[in-house]
Amino acid sequence: MTITAPSRPPLPKLADPAPARRRPRPAGDHGAGRTLISDTELRRTRGKVVYFSVLTVVTILFSLVFLFPLYWMVTGAVKEPAEFALTPPTFIPETFEPQNYALAWDRMNIARYFGNTVFYAVGGWLIQLVVDVGVAYALSKLRPIFGKLVLGLMLASLMLPAAALLIPAYLTVADVPIFGVNLLNTPWALWLPAAANAFNIYVLKRFFDQIPNDLLDSASLDGAGRLRVLWHIVLPLSRPVLGVVSIFAVIGIWKDFLWPLLVLQDTEVQTISVALSRLSNTSQVPPTEMMAGLVIASIPMIIIFLIFQRSIIGGLSAGSMKG
C-alpha cells in the first residue's frame, strides 16, 4: 500500500509593491540645473550679499566696456580741437562746442552720404523681403524635392567667415556671370549679395512652418492660387517676423563697412561709414568734427534699437524656437 503525502495548499499571491513616491521638490526648485550658488546658500544673508555684489560688479564692468566708446565719441564731439588733443585726456569736457555738429554736416557733406545710405538701406530691405519671403515660403509650404539640401547648404554658409566670401563675391559683382555686367559703384553691388540672407530665410521658414496647412488648403479649395495665398493669408499672419527681418535688413546694410568700401570707390555714391573713414585719413577735417560726424551716423541705429529692442532680441532667439 502506497502512502502519499497530502498536497500543500497554494500560497496566496503577494500584491505588487506600491511604486515609491517621489519626494516633492522644494518650492522654487524647478530643476533648471546646477548653479554656482545653491538655493539654500542664497537664502542666507551672506549668500545674498555675495551674489548681489558679484552681479553688481559684473554689470557695471560690462556697462563700462560697452558704453565708454559711445561716451567718448559724444563728449569728443563737443570739445575744442586743442582739448581733444590733450595728454592725458579730459574725461569731462571743459569746453562745450555744439556747433561742431553743424560744421561737420557742412564740411563733410554728410547730407549726401546720409541720403545714399538711406537709399541703399531701403532698397536692400525691399529686395531682401521679396527674395527671402519667396524662398522661405517655397521651402516651408511648397516642399521642393531638394528643399532640405538647399536649406542645409544655406545654414552651412553661416559657418563660413565673411572674409572668405569677399573675393568670390567681388569677382561676381565685377563681372556678373552670363550677363557680363559690371555692378561696381552701383546700388546693385550692395543689394545683390544681400538679397538671399540665410539667417532671415531660416527665421521666416520656422515661422511659416507654424501656420496650419489646413488653413492654406481651404483657401486653395476656394480657388486661391499660391501667390494669392501668400499675399492674403501668410503675409498678414507673419507681420511680427516680417518686422524682425526688416530691422535686421536695415541694420545690416547701414552698419556694413568692408563690403561697401570694396565695391563703392566713387566718392559720390559712398555710404556714410565709408565716407567718414576716407575723410578721417585727411587733414581737412578736425578730429572733433569727425567725432560729430560719427555721432550723426550712429543716431539712426541707436533710435532703431531703442524702439525695437524687444523685436531684435526676439528675432535673435527665433531660430531656437520649436516649430
C-alpha atoms as a PDB file:
ATOM      1  CA  MET A   1       0.000   0.000   0.000  1.00  0.00           C
ATOM      2  CA  THR A   2       1.425   3.343  -1.086  1.00  0.00           C
ATOM      3  CA  ILE A   3       1.097   6.336   1.215  1.00  0.00           C
ATOM      4  CA  THR A   4       1.131   9.768  -0.465  1.00  0.00           C
ATOM      5  CA  ALA A   5       1.804  12.994   1.352  1.00  0.00           C
ATOM      6  CA  PRO A   6      -1.025  15.456   1.408  1.00  0.00           C
ATOM      7  CA  SER A   7      -0.651  18.274  -1.106  1.00  0.00           C
ATOM      8  CA  ARG A   8       0.068  21.717   0.251  1.00  0.00           C
ATOM      9  CA  PRO A   9      -2.446  24.441  -0.401  1.00  0.00           C
ATOM     10  CA  PRO A  10      -1.239  27.103  -2.875  1.00  0.00           C
ATOM     11  CA  LEU A  11       0.409  30.092  -1.314  1.00  0.00           C
ATOM     12  CA  PRO A  12      -1.512  33.338  -1.599  1.00  0.00           C
ATOM     13  CA  LYS A  13      -0.247  35.638  -4.341  1.00  0.00           C
ATOM     14  CA  LEU A  14       1.538  38.644  -2.963  1.00  0.00           C
ATOM     15  CA  ALA A  15       0.402  42.016  -4.168  1.00  0.00           C
ATOM     16  CA  ASP A  16       2.783  44.073  -6.270  1.00  0.00           C
ATOM     17  CA  PRO A  17       4.712  46.554  -4.189  1.00  0.00           C
ATOM     18  CA  ALA A  18       3.373  50.051  -4.420  1.00  0.00           C
ATOM     19  CA  PRO A  19       5.534  52.366  -6.504  1.00  0.00           C
ATOM     20  CA  ALA A  20       7.764  54.546  -4.436  1.00  0.00           C
ATOM     21  CA  ARG A  21       6.584  58.094  -4.272  1.00  0.00           C
ATOM     22  CA  ARG A  22       8.957  60.766  -5.311  1.00  0.00           C
ATOM     23  CA  ARG A  23       9.686  63.366  -2.734  1.00  0.00           C
ATOM     24  CA  PRO A  24       8.263  66.692  -3.809  1.00  0.00           C
ATOM     25  CA  ARG A  25      10.795  69.299  -4.744  1.00  0.00           C
ATOM     26  CA  PRO A  26      11.011  72.323  -2.534  1.00  0.00           C
ATOM     27  CA  ALA A  27       9.372  75.471  -3.770  1.00  0.00           C
ATOM     28  CA  GLY A  28      11.491  77.401  -6.197  1.00  0.00           C
ATOM     29  CA  ASP A  29      13.476  74.327  -7.362  1.00  0.00           C
ATOM     30  CA  HIS A  30      12.437  73.691 -10.966  1.00  0.00           C
ATOM     31  CA  GLY A  31      15.368  71.527 -11.969  1.00  0.00           C
ATOM     32  CA  ALA A  32      16.927  74.263 -14.039  1.00  0.00           C
ATOM     33  CA  GLY A  33      20.378  72.828 -13.379  1.00  0.00           C
ATOM     34  CA  ARG A  34      23.204  73.391 -11.006  1.00  0.00           C
ATOM     35  CA  THR A  35      24.340  76.911 -10.263  1.00  0.00           C
ATOM     36  CA  LEU A  36      27.360  78.421  -8.547  1.00  0.00           C
ATOM     37  CA  ILE A  37      25.230  79.332  -5.530  1.00  0.00           C
ATOM     38  CA  SER A  38      22.586  76.901  -4.295  1.00  0.00           C
ATOM     39  CA  ASP A  39      19.117  77.992  -3.257  1.00  0.00           C
ATOM     40  CA  THR A  40      19.924  77.191   0.362  1.00  0.00           C
ATOM     41  CA  GLU A  41      23.020  79.371   0.297  1.00  0.00           C
ATOM     42  CA  LEU A  42      21.134  82.138  -1.475  1.00  0.00           C
ATOM     43  CA  ARG A  43      18.550  82.273   1.322  1.00  0.00           C
ATOM     44  CA  ARG A  44      21.239  83.167   3.810  1.00  0.00           C
ATOM     45  CA  THR A  45      22.290  86.759   4.336  1.00  0.00           C
ATOM     46  CA  ARG A  46      25.923  86.074   3.468  1.00  0.00           C
ATOM     47  CA  GLY A  47      24.933  84.315   0.239  1.00  0.00           C
ATOM     48  CA  LYS A  48      22.693  87.188  -0.814  1.00  0.00           C
ATOM     49  CA  VAL A  49      25.439  89.730  -0.172  1.00  0.00           C
ATOM     50  CA  VAL A  50      27.999  87.757  -2.198  1.00  0.00           C
ATOM     51  CA  TYR A  51      25.561  87.080  -5.043  1.00  0.00           C
ATOM     52  CA  PHE A  52      24.340  90.637  -5.492  1.00  0.00           C
ATOM     53  CA  SER A  53      27.829  92.083  -5.012  1.00  0.00           C
ATOM     54  CA  VAL A  54      29.249  89.929  -7.810  1.00  0.00           C
ATOM     55  CA  LEU A  55      26.226  90.648 -10.008  1.00  0.00           C
ATOM     56  CA  THR A  56      26.582  94.400  -9.483  1.00  0.00           C
ATOM     57  CA  VAL A  57      30.320  94.399 -10.231  1.00  0.00           C
ATOM     58  CA  VAL A  58      29.889  92.348 -13.418  1.00  0.00           C
ATOM     59  CA  THR A  59      27.005  94.540 -14.626  1.00  0.00           C
ATOM     60  CA  ILE A  60      28.938  97.754 -14.021  1.00  0.00           C
ATOM     61  CA  LEU A  61      32.060  96.337 -15.699  1.00  0.00           C
ATOM     62  CA  PHE A  62      30.229  95.250 -18.845  1.00  0.00           C
ATOM     63  CA  SER A  63      28.306  98.535 -18.977  1.00  0.00           C
ATOM     64  CA  LEU A  64      31.555 100.499 -18.872  1.00  0.00           C
ATOM     65  CA  VAL A  65      33.130  98.336 -21.576  1.00  0.00           C
ATOM     66  CA  PHE A  66      30.210  98.777 -23.975  1.00  0.00           C
ATOM     67  CA  LEU A  67      29.148 102.340 -23.152  1.00  0.00           C
ATOM     68  CA  PHE A  68      32.535 104.038 -22.750  1.00  0.00           C
ATOM     69  CA  PRO A  69      33.268 104.224 -26.524  1.00  0.00           C
ATOM     70  CA  LEU A  70      29.876 105.849 -27.043  1.00  0.00           C
ATOM     71  CA  TYR A  71      30.517 108.297 -24.201  1.00  0.00           C
ATOM     72  CA  TRP A  72      33.984 109.143 -25.568  1.00  0.00           C
ATOM     73  CA  MET A  73      32.535 109.784 -29.023  1.00  0.00           C
ATOM     74  CA  VAL A  74      29.733 112.057 -27.767  1.00  0.00           C
ATOM     75  CA  THR A  75      31.954 114.075 -25.424  1.00  0.00           C
ATOM     76  CA  GLY A  76      34.722 114.355 -28.008  1.00  0.00           C
ATOM     77  CA  ALA A  77      32.274 115.873 -30.473  1.00  0.00           C
ATOM     78  CA  VAL A  78      31.690 118.929 -28.255  1.00  0.00           C
ATOM     79  CA  LYS A  79      35.322 119.625 -27.325  1.00  0.00           C
ATOM     80  CA  GLU A  80      37.701 122.083 -28.894  1.00  0.00           C
ATOM     81  CA  PRO A  81      40.483 120.519 -31.027  1.00  0.00           C
ATOM     82  CA  ALA A  82      43.104 121.668 -28.503  1.00  0.00           C
ATOM     83  CA  GLU A  83      41.312 119.990 -25.611  1.00  0.00           C
ATOM     84  CA  PHE A  84      40.725 116.853 -27.663  1.00  0.00           C
ATOM     85  CA  ALA A  85      44.495 116.536 -28.230  1.00  0.00           C
ATOM     86  CA  LEU A  86      45.428 116.913 -24.552  1.00  0.00           C
ATOM     87  CA  THR A  87      47.515 114.209 -22.870  1.00  0.00           C
ATOM     88  CA  PRO A  88      46.219 112.859 -20.546  1.00  0.00           C
ATOM     89  CA  PRO A  89      42.738 113.384 -21.975  1.00  0.00           C
ATOM     90  CA  THR A  90      39.884 115.073 -20.148  1.00  0.00           C
ATOM     91  CA  PHE A  91      37.046 112.667 -19.470  1.00  0.00           C
ATOM     92  CA  ILE A  92      34.623 115.506 -18.664  1.00  0.00           C
ATOM     93  CA  PRO A  93      34.646 118.236 -21.349  1.00  0.00           C
ATOM     94  CA  GLU A  94      35.974 121.579 -20.143  1.00  0.00           C
ATOM     95  CA  THR A  95      34.620 123.310 -23.254  1.00  0.00           C
ATOM     96  CA  PHE A  96      31.259 122.908 -24.966  1.00  0.00           C
ATOM     97  CA  GLU A  97      31.175 123.439 -28.730  1.00  0.00           C
ATOM     98  CA  PRO A  98      27.844 122.128 -30.126  1.00  0.00           C
ATOM     99  CA  GLN A  99      28.485 123.934 -33.413  1.00  0.00           C
ATOM    100  CA  ASN A 100      30.855 121.089 -34.284  1.00  0.00           C
ATOM    101  CA  TYR A 101      27.822 119.149 -35.491  1.00  0.00           C
ATOM    102  CA  ALA A 102      26.819 121.884 -37.945  1.00  0.00           C
ATOM    103  CA  LEU A 103      30.414 122.273 -39.122  1.00  0.00           C
ATOM    104  CA  ALA A 104      30.744 118.519 -39.647  1.00  0.00           C
ATOM    105  CA  TRP A 105      27.440 118.395 -41.544  1.00  0.00           C
ATOM    106  CA  ASP A 106      28.614 121.067 -43.984  1.00  0.00           C
ATOM    107  CA  ARG A 107      32.334 120.324 -44.234  1.00  0.00           C
ATOM    108  CA  MET A 108      31.990 116.560 -44.790  1.00  0.00           C
ATOM    109  CA  ASN A 109      28.839 116.802 -46.941  1.00  0.00           C
ATOM    110  CA  ILE A 110      27.087 114.379 -44.606  1.00  0.00           C
ATOM    111  CA  ALA A 111      23.690 115.075 -46.164  1.00  0.00           C
ATOM    112  CA  ARG A 112      24.733 113.389 -49.432  1.00  0.00           C
ATOM    113  CA  TYR A 113      26.258 110.322 -47.782  1.00  0.00           C
ATOM    114  CA  PHE A 114      23.390 110.088 -45.321  1.00  0.00           C
ATOM    115  CA  GLY A 115      20.944 110.085 -48.231  1.00  0.00           C
ATOM    116  CA  ASN A 116      22.998 107.454 -50.067  1.00  0.00           C
ATOM    117  CA  THR A 117      22.912 105.172 -47.039  1.00  0.00           C
ATOM    118  CA  VAL A 118      19.164 105.594 -46.560  1.00  0.00           C
ATOM    119  CA  PHE A 119      18.598 104.778 -50.241  1.00  0.00           C
ATOM    120  CA  TYR A 120      20.753 101.651 -50.045  1.00  0.00           C
ATOM    121  CA  ALA A 121      19.080 100.534 -46.805  1.00  0.00           C
ATOM    122  CA  VAL A 122      15.522 100.956 -48.128  1.00  0.00           C
ATOM    123  CA  GLY A 123      16.302  99.281 -51.450  1.00  0.00           C
ATOM    124  CA  GLY A 124      18.126  96.405 -49.782  1.00  0.00           C
ATOM    125  CA  TRP A 125      15.256  95.973 -47.337  1.00  0.00           C
ATOM    126  CA  LEU A 126      12.683  95.634 -50.147  1.00  0.00           C
ATOM    127  CA  ILE A 127      14.808  93.224 -52.164  1.00  0.00           C
ATOM    128  CA  GLN A 128      15.594  91.090 -49.121  1.00  0.00           C
ATOM    129  CA  LEU A 129      11.921  90.838 -48.196  1.00  0.00           C
ATOM    130  CA  VAL A 130      10.904  89.755 -51.694  1.00  0.00           C
ATOM    131  CA  VAL A 131      13.668  87.159 -52.076  1.00  0.00           C
ATOM    132  CA  ASP A 132      13.753  85.822 -48.507  1.00  0.00           C
ATOM    133  CA  VAL A 133       9.973  85.545 -48.164  1.00  0.00           C
ATOM    134  CA  GLY A 134       9.724  83.733 -51.501  1.00  0.00           C
ATOM    135  CA  VAL A 135      12.477  81.257 -50.646  1.00  0.00           C
ATOM    136  CA  ALA A 136      11.184  80.631 -47.118  1.00  0.00           C
ATOM    137  CA  TYR A 137       7.611  80.115 -48.377  1.00  0.00           C
ATOM    138  CA  ALA A 138       8.792  77.640 -51.003  1.00  0.00           C
ATOM    139  CA  LEU A 139      10.873  75.654 -48.511  1.00  0.00           C
ATOM    140  CA  SER A 140       8.123  75.624 -45.886  1.00  0.00           C
ATOM    141  CA  LYS A 141       4.903  75.080 -47.845  1.00  0.00           C
ATOM    142  CA  LEU A 142       5.751  74.056 -51.412  1.00  0.00           C
ATOM    143  CA  ARG A 143       8.288  71.452 -50.234  1.00  0.00           C
ATOM    144  CA  PRO A 144      10.584  71.087 -53.294  1.00  0.00           C
ATOM    145  CA  ILE A 145      12.458  67.821 -53.819  1.00  0.00           C
ATOM    146  CA  PHE A 146      15.843  69.103 -52.683  1.00  0.00           C
ATOM    147  CA  GLY A 147      14.426  71.561 -50.169  1.00  0.00           C
ATOM    148  CA  LYS A 148      16.207  70.092 -47.150  1.00  0.00           C
ATOM    149  CA  LEU A 149      19.502  70.028 -49.034  1.00  0.00           C
ATOM    150  CA  VAL A 150      19.115  73.664 -50.070  1.00  0.00           C
ATOM    151  CA  LEU A 151      18.262  74.699 -46.509  1.00  0.00           C
ATOM    152  CA  GLY A 152      21.228  72.761 -45.148  1.00  0.00           C
ATOM    153  CA  LEU A 153      23.631  74.410 -47.592  1.00  0.00           C
ATOM    154  CA  MET A 154      22.282  77.851 -46.697  1.00  0.00           C
ATOM    155  CA  LEU A 155      22.734  77.192 -42.987  1.00  0.00           C
ATOM    156  CA  ALA A 156      26.229  75.850 -43.659  1.00  0.00           C
ATOM    157  CA  SER A 157      27.090  79.150 -45.330  1.00  0.00           C
ATOM    158  CA  LEU A 158      26.539  80.853 -41.969  1.00  0.00           C
ATOM    159  CA  MET A 159      29.518  78.906 -40.628  1.00  0.00           C
ATOM    160  CA  LEU A 160      31.876  80.410 -43.210  1.00  0.00           C
ATOM    161  CA  PRO A 161      33.806  83.544 -42.225  1.00  0.00           C
ATOM    162  CA  ALA A 162      32.697  86.632 -44.113  1.00  0.00           C
ATOM    163  CA  ALA A 163      36.269  87.349 -45.228  1.00  0.00           C
ATOM    164  CA  ALA A 164      36.380  84.030 -47.104  1.00  0.00           C
ATOM    165  CA  LEU A 165      33.485  85.138 -49.320  1.00  0.00           C
ATOM    166  CA  LEU A 166      34.770  88.608 -50.167  1.00  0.00           C
ATOM    167  CA  ILE A 167      36.886  87.679 -53.196  1.00  0.00           C
ATOM    168  CA  PRO A 168      34.281  85.388 -54.875  1.00  0.00           C
ATOM    169  CA  ALA A 169      31.549  87.956 -54.237  1.00  0.00           C
ATOM    170  CA  TYR A 170      33.694  90.800 -55.572  1.00  0.00           C
ATOM    171  CA  LEU A 171      34.551  88.890 -58.757  1.00  0.00           C
ATOM    172  CA  THR A 172      30.874  88.084 -59.243  1.00  0.00           C
ATOM    173  CA  VAL A 173      29.815  91.714 -58.867  1.00  0.00           C
ATOM    174  CA  ALA A 174      32.648  92.996 -61.070  1.00  0.00           C
ATOM    175  CA  ASP A 175      31.639  90.640 -63.894  1.00  0.00           C
ATOM    176  CA  VAL A 176      28.219  89.054 -63.419  1.00  0.00           C
ATOM    177  CA  PRO A 177      28.234  85.542 -64.939  1.00  0.00           C
ATOM    178  CA  ILE A 178      26.229  85.031 -68.149  1.00  0.00           C
ATOM    179  CA  PHE A 179      25.254  88.718 -68.358  1.00  0.00           C
ATOM    180  CA  GLY A 180      28.789  90.115 -68.222  1.00  0.00           C
ATOM    181  CA  VAL A 181      27.689  93.291 -66.413  1.00  0.00           C
ATOM    182  CA  ASN A 182      29.899  95.333 -64.090  1.00  0.00           C
ATOM    183  CA  LEU A 183      27.918  96.346 -60.980  1.00  0.00           C
ATOM    184  CA  LEU A 184      30.693  98.219 -59.169  1.00  0.00           C
ATOM    185  CA  ASN A 185      29.730 101.713 -57.960  1.00  0.00           C
ATOM    186  CA  THR A 186      26.037 100.878 -58.384  1.00  0.00           C
ATOM    187  CA  PRO A 187      23.390 100.091 -55.735  1.00  0.00           C
ATOM    188  CA  TRP A 188      23.139  96.535 -57.059  1.00  0.00           C
ATOM    189  CA  ALA A 189      26.656  95.877 -55.794  1.00  0.00           C
ATOM    190  CA  LEU A 190      25.158  96.076 -52.284  1.00  0.00           C
ATOM    191  CA  TRP A 191      21.689  94.711 -52.991  1.00  0.00           C
ATOM    192  CA  LEU A 192      22.568  91.595 -54.984  1.00  0.00           C
ATOM    193  CA  PRO A 193      24.879  89.899 -52.419  1.00  0.00           C
ATOM    194  CA  ALA A 194      22.489  90.759 -49.574  1.00  0.00           C
ATOM    195  CA  ALA A 195      19.340  89.553 -51.362  1.00  0.00           C
ATOM    196  CA  ALA A 196      19.415  85.943 -50.128  1.00  0.00           C
ATOM    197  CA  ASN A 197      20.132  86.150 -46.400  1.00  0.00           C
ATOM    198  CA  ALA A 198      20.409  82.655 -44.920  1.00  0.00           C
ATOM    199  CA  PHE A 199      19.563  83.730 -41.371  1.00  0.00           C
ATOM    200  CA  ASN A 200      16.450  85.658 -42.431  1.00  0.00           C
ATOM    201  CA  ILE A 201      15.301  82.764 -44.614  1.00  0.00           C
ATOM    202  CA  TYR A 202      15.660  80.344 -41.708  1.00  0.00           C
ATOM    203  CA  VAL A 203      13.747  82.617 -39.318  1.00  0.00           C
ATOM    204  CA  LEU A 204      10.944  83.100 -41.859  1.00  0.00           C
ATOM    205  CA  LYS A 205      10.735  79.382 -42.635  1.00  0.00           C
ATOM    206  CA  ARG A 206      10.461  78.469 -38.959  1.00  0.00           C
ATOM    207  CA  PHE A 207       7.594  80.933 -38.606  1.00  0.00           C
ATOM    208  CA  PHE A 208       5.846  79.720 -41.783  1.00  0.00           C
ATOM    209  CA  ASP A 209       6.065  76.130 -40.500  1.00  0.00           C
ATOM    210  CA  GLN A 210       3.776  77.105 -37.614  1.00  0.00           C
ATOM    211  CA  ILE A 211       0.969  78.244 -39.949  1.00  0.00           C
ATOM    212  CA  PRO A 212      -1.547  75.349 -40.255  1.00  0.00           C
ATOM    213  CA  ASN A 213      -1.598  73.719 -43.683  1.00  0.00           C
ATOM    214  CA  ASP A 214      -5.362  73.185 -43.339  1.00  0.00           C
ATOM    215  CA  LEU A 215      -5.846  76.945 -43.486  1.00  0.00           C
ATOM    216  CA  LEU A 216      -3.886  77.185 -46.718  1.00  0.00           C
ATOM    217  CA  ASP A 217      -5.595  74.121 -48.199  1.00  0.00           C
ATOM    218  CA  SER A 218      -9.044  75.568 -47.532  1.00  0.00           C
ATOM    219  CA  ALA A 219      -8.042  78.746 -49.347  1.00  0.00           C
ATOM    220  CA  SER A 220      -6.752  76.679 -52.271  1.00  0.00           C
ATOM    221  CA  LEU A 221     -10.079  74.825 -52.450  1.00  0.00           C
ATOM    222  CA  ASP A 222     -11.808  78.189 -52.755  1.00  0.00           C
ATOM    223  CA  GLY A 223      -9.774  78.905 -55.882  1.00  0.00           C
ATOM    224  CA  ALA A 224      -6.874  80.897 -54.423  1.00  0.00           C
ATOM    225  CA  GLY A 225      -3.538  80.389 -56.143  1.00  0.00           C
ATOM    226  CA  ARG A 226      -0.152  80.119 -54.489  1.00  0.00           C
ATOM    227  CA  LEU A 227       0.635  83.826 -54.770  1.00  0.00           C
ATOM    228  CA  ARG A 228      -2.805  84.827 -53.508  1.00  0.00           C
ATOM    229  CA  VAL A 229      -2.454  82.516 -50.502  1.00  0.00           C
ATOM    230  CA  LEU A 230       0.939  84.029 -49.776  1.00  0.00           C
ATOM    231  CA  TRP A 231      -0.268  87.625 -50.122  1.00  0.00           C
ATOM    232  CA  HIS A 232      -3.648  87.399 -48.371  1.00  0.00           C
ATOM    233  CA  ILE A 233      -3.047  84.718 -45.720  1.00  0.00           C
ATOM    234  CA  VAL A 234       0.618  84.011 -44.999  1.00  0.00           C
ATOM    235  CA  LEU A 235       1.961  87.570 -45.023  1.00  0.00           C
ATOM    236  CA  PRO A 236      -0.787  89.088 -42.793  1.00  0.00           C
ATOM    237  CA  LEU A 237      -0.167  86.328 -40.240  1.00  0.00           C
ATOM    238  CA  SER A 238       3.592  86.915 -40.425  1.00  0.00           C
ATOM    239  CA  ARG A 239       3.723  90.608 -39.569  1.00  0.00           C
ATOM    240  CA  PRO A 240       5.754  90.101 -36.356  1.00  0.00           C
ATOM    241  CA  VAL A 241       8.524  88.115 -38.024  1.00  0.00           C
ATOM    242  CA  LEU A 242       8.479  90.395 -41.068  1.00  0.00           C
ATOM    243  CA  GLY A 243       9.145  93.305 -38.729  1.00  0.00           C
ATOM    244  CA  VAL A 244      12.118  91.492 -37.201  1.00  0.00           C
ATOM    245  CA  VAL A 245      13.570  90.618 -40.612  1.00  0.00           C
ATOM    246  CA  SER A 246      13.074  94.206 -41.769  1.00  0.00           C
ATOM    247  CA  ILE A 247      15.001  95.550 -38.785  1.00  0.00           C
ATOM    248  CA  PHE A 248      17.871  93.130 -39.392  1.00  0.00           C
ATOM    249  CA  ALA A 249      17.982  94.021 -43.089  1.00  0.00           C
ATOM    250  CA  VAL A 250      18.175  97.772 -42.476  1.00  0.00           C
ATOM    251  CA  ILE A 251      20.731  97.454 -39.671  1.00  0.00           C
ATOM    252  CA  GLY A 252      22.883  95.066 -41.698  1.00  0.00           C
ATOM    253  CA  ILE A 253      23.168  97.430 -44.662  1.00  0.00           C
ATOM    254  CA  TRP A 254      23.565 100.563 -42.547  1.00  0.00           C
ATOM    255  CA  LYS A 255      26.419  99.277 -40.392  1.00  0.00           C
ATOM    256  CA  ASP A 256      28.259  97.376 -43.126  1.00  0.00           C
ATOM    257  CA  PHE A 257      31.664  98.845 -43.875  1.00  0.00           C
ATOM    258  CA  LEU A 258      34.094  96.438 -45.524  1.00  0.00           C
ATOM    259  CA  TRP A 259      31.901  95.423 -48.474  1.00  0.00           C
ATOM    260  CA  PRO A 260      30.833  98.987 -49.422  1.00  0.00           C
ATOM    261  CA  LEU A 261      34.496 100.004 -49.117  1.00  0.00           C
ATOM    262  CA  LEU A 262      35.395  97.454 -51.808  1.00  0.00           C
ATOM    263  CA  VAL A 263      32.570  97.992 -54.296  1.00  0.00           C
ATOM    264  CA  LEU A 264      31.886 101.746 -53.930  1.00  0.00           C
ATOM    265  CA  GLN A 265      35.109 103.508 -54.886  1.00  0.00           C
ATOM    266  CA  ASP A 266      33.342 106.526 -56.393  1.00  0.00           C
ATOM    267  CA  THR A 267      33.145 109.181 -53.667  1.00  0.00           C
ATOM    268  CA  GLU A 268      29.756 110.408 -54.893  1.00  0.00           C
ATOM    269  CA  VAL A 269      27.992 107.101 -54.212  1.00  0.00           C
ATOM    270  CA  GLN A 270      29.676 106.005 -50.973  1.00  0.00           C
ATOM    271  CA  THR A 271      27.840 105.197 -47.759  1.00  0.00           C
ATOM    272  CA  ILE A 272      28.303 107.370 -44.707  1.00  0.00           C
ATOM    273  CA  SER A 273      30.578 104.852 -42.954  1.00  0.00           C
ATOM    274  CA  VAL A 274      32.932 104.616 -45.943  1.00  0.00           C
ATOM    275  CA  ALA A 275      32.927 108.386 -46.458  1.00  0.00           C
ATOM    276  CA  LEU A 276      33.775 109.082 -42.814  1.00  0.00           C
ATOM    277  CA  SER A 277      36.601 106.557 -42.934  1.00  0.00           C
ATOM    278  CA  ARG A 278      38.007 108.190 -46.059  1.00  0.00           C
ATOM    279  CA  LEU A 279      37.763 111.699 -44.615  1.00  0.00           C
ATOM    280  CA  SER A 280      39.399 110.619 -41.350  1.00  0.00           C
ATOM    281  CA  ASN A 281      42.626 109.948 -43.249  1.00  0.00           C
ATOM    282  CA  THR A 282      42.819 113.541 -44.469  1.00  0.00           C
ATOM    283  CA  SER A 283      43.849 116.708 -42.654  1.00  0.00           C
ATOM    284  CA  GLN A 284      40.901 118.783 -43.837  1.00  0.00           C
ATOM    285  CA  VAL A 285      38.565 117.594 -41.062  1.00  0.00           C
ATOM    286  CA  PRO A 286      39.384 118.298 -37.370  1.00  0.00           C
ATOM    287  CA  PRO A 287      39.042 115.291 -35.044  1.00  0.00           C
ATOM    288  CA  THR A 288      36.209 116.916 -33.094  1.00  0.00           C
ATOM    289  CA  GLU A 289      34.153 117.332 -36.261  1.00  0.00           C
ATOM    290  CA  MET A 290      34.942 113.742 -37.192  1.00  0.00           C
ATOM    291  CA  MET A 291      33.535 112.658 -33.821  1.00  0.00           C
ATOM    292  CA  ALA A 292      30.436 114.745 -34.514  1.00  0.00           C
ATOM    293  CA  GLY A 293      30.044 113.006 -37.866  1.00  0.00           C
ATOM    294  CA  LEU A 294      30.301 109.615 -36.189  1.00  0.00           C
ATOM    295  CA  VAL A 295      27.598 110.611 -33.707  1.00  0.00           C
ATOM    296  CA  ILE A 296      25.302 111.696 -36.547  1.00  0.00           C
ATOM    297  CA  ALA A 297      25.910 108.407 -38.369  1.00  0.00           C
ATOM    298  CA  SER A 298      25.117 106.419 -35.211  1.00  0.00           C
ATOM    299  CA  ILE A 299      21.879 108.186 -34.273  1.00  0.00           C
ATOM    300  CA  PRO A 300      19.526 106.239 -36.630  1.00  0.00           C
ATOM    301  CA  MET A 301      20.739 102.837 -35.421  1.00  0.00           C
ATOM    302  CA  ILE A 302      20.539 103.893 -31.764  1.00  0.00           C
ATOM    303  CA  ILE A 303      16.957 105.073 -32.269  1.00  0.00           C
ATOM    304  CA  ILE A 304      16.004 101.848 -34.062  1.00  0.00           C
ATOM    305  CA  PHE A 305      17.492  99.746 -31.269  1.00  0.00           C
ATOM    306  CA  LEU A 306      15.779 101.711 -28.501  1.00  0.00           C
ATOM    307  CA  ILE A 307      12.390 101.448 -30.217  1.00  0.00           C
ATOM    308  CA  PHE A 308      12.597  97.851 -31.460  1.00  0.00           C
ATOM    309  CA  GLN A 309      14.903  96.237 -28.901  1.00  0.00           C
ATOM    310  CA  ARG A 310      12.285  93.659 -27.907  1.00  0.00           C
ATOM    311  CA  SER A 311      11.757  92.658 -31.525  1.00  0.00           C
ATOM    312  CA  ILE A 312      15.513  92.428 -32.110  1.00  0.00           C
ATOM    313  CA  ILE A 313      16.050  90.200 -29.074  1.00  0.00           C
ATOM    314  CA  GLY A 314      13.045  88.090 -30.072  1.00  0.00           C
ATOM    315  CA  GLY A 315      14.445  87.690 -33.562  1.00  0.00           C
ATOM    316  CA  LEU A 316      17.811  86.550 -32.235  1.00  0.00           C
ATOM    317  CA  SER A 317      16.072  83.751 -30.318  1.00  0.00           C
ATOM    318  CA  ALA A 318      13.608  82.913 -33.106  1.00  0.00           C
ATOM    319  CA  GLY A 319      15.969  80.378 -34.624  1.00  0.00           C
ATOM    320  CA  SER A 320      15.825  78.281 -31.457  1.00  0.00           C
ATOM    321  CA  MET A 321      12.019  78.140 -31.271  1.00  0.00           C
ATOM    322  CA  LYS A 322      10.446  74.790 -31.921  1.00  0.00           C
ATOM    323  CA  GLY A 323       8.018  74.962 -34.803  1.00  0.00           C
END
